[in-house]
Amino acid sequence: MSVSRVWLRGTIFSRASNLIRSNAVKFEHRPLWFDVYSRFPPLEEPLANRPVDQTPVLDILYEEDLVRAEADRNGGRSGKIFDLMGTSKT
């Protein structure tokens, strides 16, 4: 059984605008992002066949991630209550 790949041909914006233009979706019921995308379109069209950017993703590790990992290692039963915001007076 073959599958249609028509969805690869356009962007979600082009599909949404075509639905609005054909009155399949009323203009009042357009998606929230539609006006923003119309006013500020991306520099590159977000097509499925566009080459993938190979920039490495940096690992970001926050202090609370270590605290959460310690709690997970103990099965969530560390016996301590962690104040991650530092608002505790004790």
C-alpha atoms as a PDB file:
ATOM      1  CA  MET A   1       0.000   0.000   0.000  1.00  0.00           C
ATOM      2  CA  SER A   2       1.495   3.325  -0.998  1.00  0.00           C
ATOM      3  CA  VAL A   3       1.200   6.444   1.123  1.00  0.00           C
ATOM      4  CA  SER A   4       0.615   9.926  -0.220  1.00  0.00           C
ATOM      5  CA  ARG A   5       3.451  12.361   0.437  1.00  0.00           C
ATOM      6  CA  VAL A   6       1.529  15.463  -0.592  1.00  0.00           C
ATOM      7  CA  TRP A   7       2.169  16.969   2.848  1.00  0.00           C
ATOM      8  CA  LEU A   8       5.847  17.311   1.903  1.00  0.00           C
ATOM      9  CA  ARG A   9       5.020  19.733  -0.893  1.00  0.00           C
ATOM     10  CA  GLY A  10       4.171  22.809   1.139  1.00  0.00           C
ATOM     11  CA  THR A  11       4.514  24.415   4.501  1.00  0.00           C
ATOM     12  CA  ILE A  12       1.911  24.445   7.228  1.00  0.00           C
ATOM     13  CA  PHE A  13       1.455  28.149   6.464  1.00  0.00           C
ATOM     14  CA  SER A  14       0.703  27.511   2.798  1.00  0.00           C
ATOM     15  CA  ARG A  15      -1.776  24.774   3.708  1.00  0.00           C
ATOM     16  CA  ALA A  16      -3.472  26.980   6.332  1.00  0.00           C
ATOM     17  CA  SER A  17      -3.655  29.965   3.973  1.00  0.00           C
ATOM     18  CA  ASN A  18      -5.117  27.775   1.214  1.00  0.00           C
ATOM     19  CA  LEU A  19      -7.751  26.461   3.614  1.00  0.00           C
ATOM     20  CA  ILE A  20      -8.655  30.026   4.583  1.00  0.00           C
ATOM     21  CA  ARG A  21      -8.701  31.177   0.943  1.00  0.00           C
ATOM     22  CA  SER A  22     -10.988  28.295  -0.071  1.00  0.00           C
ATOM     23  CA  ASN A  23     -13.297  29.003   2.905  1.00  0.00           C
ATOM     24  CA  ALA A  24     -12.725  25.533   4.326  1.00  0.00           C
ATOM     25  CA  VAL A  25     -11.643  27.391   7.480  1.00  0.00           C
ATOM     26  CA  LYS A  26     -13.248  30.713   8.306  1.00  0.00           C
ATOM     27  CA  PHE A  27     -10.918  33.661   8.662  1.00  0.00           C
ATOM     28  CA  GLU A  28     -12.180  34.175  12.217  1.00  0.00           C
ATOM     29  CA  HIS A  29     -11.080  30.614  13.083  1.00  0.00           C
ATOM     30  CA  ARG A  30      -7.536  30.939  11.764  1.00  0.00           C
ATOM     31  CA  PRO A  31      -4.705  29.650  14.001  1.00  0.00           C
ATOM     32  CA  LEU A  32      -3.190  32.025  16.550  1.00  0.00           C
ATOM     33  CA  TRP A  33       0.219  31.948  14.860  1.00  0.00           C
ATOM     34  CA  PHE A  34      -1.148  32.782  11.406  1.00  0.00           C
ATOM     35  CA  ASP A  35      -1.030  36.601  11.765  1.00  0.00           C
ATOM     36  CA  VAL A  36       2.426  36.553  13.332  1.00  0.00           C
ATOM     37  CA  TYR A  37       3.776  34.306  10.577  1.00  0.00           C
ATOM     38  CA  SER A  38       2.199  36.555   7.934  1.00  0.00           C
ATOM     39  CA  ARG A  39       3.772  39.664   9.451  1.00  0.00           C
ATOM     40  CA  PHE A  40       7.191  38.120  10.210  1.00  0.00           C
ATOM     41  CA  PRO A  41       7.902  35.283   7.748  1.00  0.00           C
ATOM     42  CA  PRO A  42      11.041  33.203   8.300  1.00  0.00           C
ATOM     43  CA  LEU A  43      14.196  33.958   6.345  1.00  0.00           C
ATOM     44  CA  GLU A  44      14.205  30.410   4.927  1.00  0.00           C
ATOM     45  CA  GLU A  45      11.036  28.554   4.042  1.00  0.00           C
ATOM     46  CA  PRO A  46      10.650  25.624   6.472  1.00  0.00           C
ATOM     47  CA  LEU A  47      10.357  22.866   3.886  1.00  0.00           C
ATOM     48  CA  ALA A  48      10.784  19.175   4.662  1.00  0.00           C
ATOM     49  CA  ASN A  49      13.430  18.689   1.959  1.00  0.00           C
ATOM     50  CA  ARG A  50      15.657  21.504   3.278  1.00  0.00           C
ATOM     51  CA  PRO A  51      19.143  20.345   4.347  1.00  0.00           C
ATOM     52  CA  VAL A  52      19.511  19.837   8.075  1.00  0.00           C
ATOM     53  CA  ASP A  53      21.747  22.236   9.978  1.00  0.00           C
ATOM     54  CA  GLN A  54      24.690  20.284  11.432  1.00  0.00           C
ATOM     55  CA  THR A  55      25.555  22.770  14.197  1.00  0.00           C
ATOM     56  CA  PRO A  56      26.280  20.798  17.375  1.00  0.00           C
ATOM     57  CA  VAL A  57      23.835  21.274  20.240  1.00  0.00           C
ATOM     58  CA  LEU A  58      25.492  22.381  23.465  1.00  0.00           C
ATOM     59  CA  ASP A  59      24.818  20.443  26.663  1.00  0.00           C
ATOM     60  CA  ILE A  60      23.246  22.717  29.229  1.00  0.00           C
ATOM     61  CA  LEU A  61      23.332  21.515  32.800  1.00  0.00           C
ATOM     62  CA  TYR A  62      21.766  23.475  35.630  1.00  0.00           C
ATOM     63  CA  GLU A  63      22.336  22.988  39.360  1.00  0.00           C
ATOM     64  CA  GLU A  64      18.755  21.837  39.882  1.00  0.00           C
ATOM     65  CA  ASP A  65      19.297  19.111  37.272  1.00  0.00           C
ATOM     66  CA  LEU A  66      21.887  17.529  39.577  1.00  0.00           C
ATOM     67  CA  VAL A  67      19.493  17.741  42.518  1.00  0.00           C
ATOM     68  CA  ARG A  68      16.717  16.164  40.457  1.00  0.00           C
ATOM     69  CA  ALA A  69      19.048  13.402  39.254  1.00  0.00           C
ATOM     70  CA  GLU A  70      20.032  12.607  42.857  1.00  0.00           C
ATOM     71  CA  ALA A  71      16.364  12.386  43.840  1.00  0.00           C
ATOM     72  CA  ASP A  72      15.663  10.106  40.866  1.00  0.00           C
ATOM     73  CA  ARG A  73      18.550   7.829  41.809  1.00  0.00           C
ATOM     74  CA  ASN A  74      16.940   7.351  45.203  1.00  0.00           C
ATOM     75  CA  GLY A  75      13.624   6.506  43.622  1.00  0.00           C
ATOM     76  CA  GLY A  76      12.194   9.893  44.483  1.00  0.00           C
ATOM     77  CA  ARG A  77      12.468   9.092  48.183  1.00  0.00           C
ATOM     78  CA  SER A  78      15.492  11.061  49.266  1.00  0.00           C
ATOM     79  CA  GLY A  79      13.901  12.060  52.573  1.00  0.00           C
ATOM     80  CA  LYS A  80      14.821  15.696  51.976  1.00  0.00           C
ATOM     81  CA  ILE A  81      12.845  18.593  50.648  1.00  0.00           C
ATOM     82  CA  PHE A  82      14.928  20.666  48.274  1.00  0.00           C
ATOM     83  CA  ASP A  83      14.433  24.410  48.086  1.00  0.00           C
ATOM     84  CA  LEU A  84      15.580  25.122  44.559  1.00  0.00           C
ATOM     85  CA  MET A  85      14.652  28.800  44.795  1.00  0.00           C
ATOM     86  CA  GLY A  86      16.772  29.427  47.916  1.00  0.00           C
ATOM     87  CA  THR A  87      13.878  31.043  49.801  1.00  0.00           C
ATOM     88  CA  SER A  88      14.130  28.833  52.879  1.00  0.00           C
ATOM     89  CA  LYS A  89      15.201  30.563  56.088  1.00  0.00           C
ATOM     90  CA  THR A  90      16.533  27.404  57.757  1.00  0.00           C
END
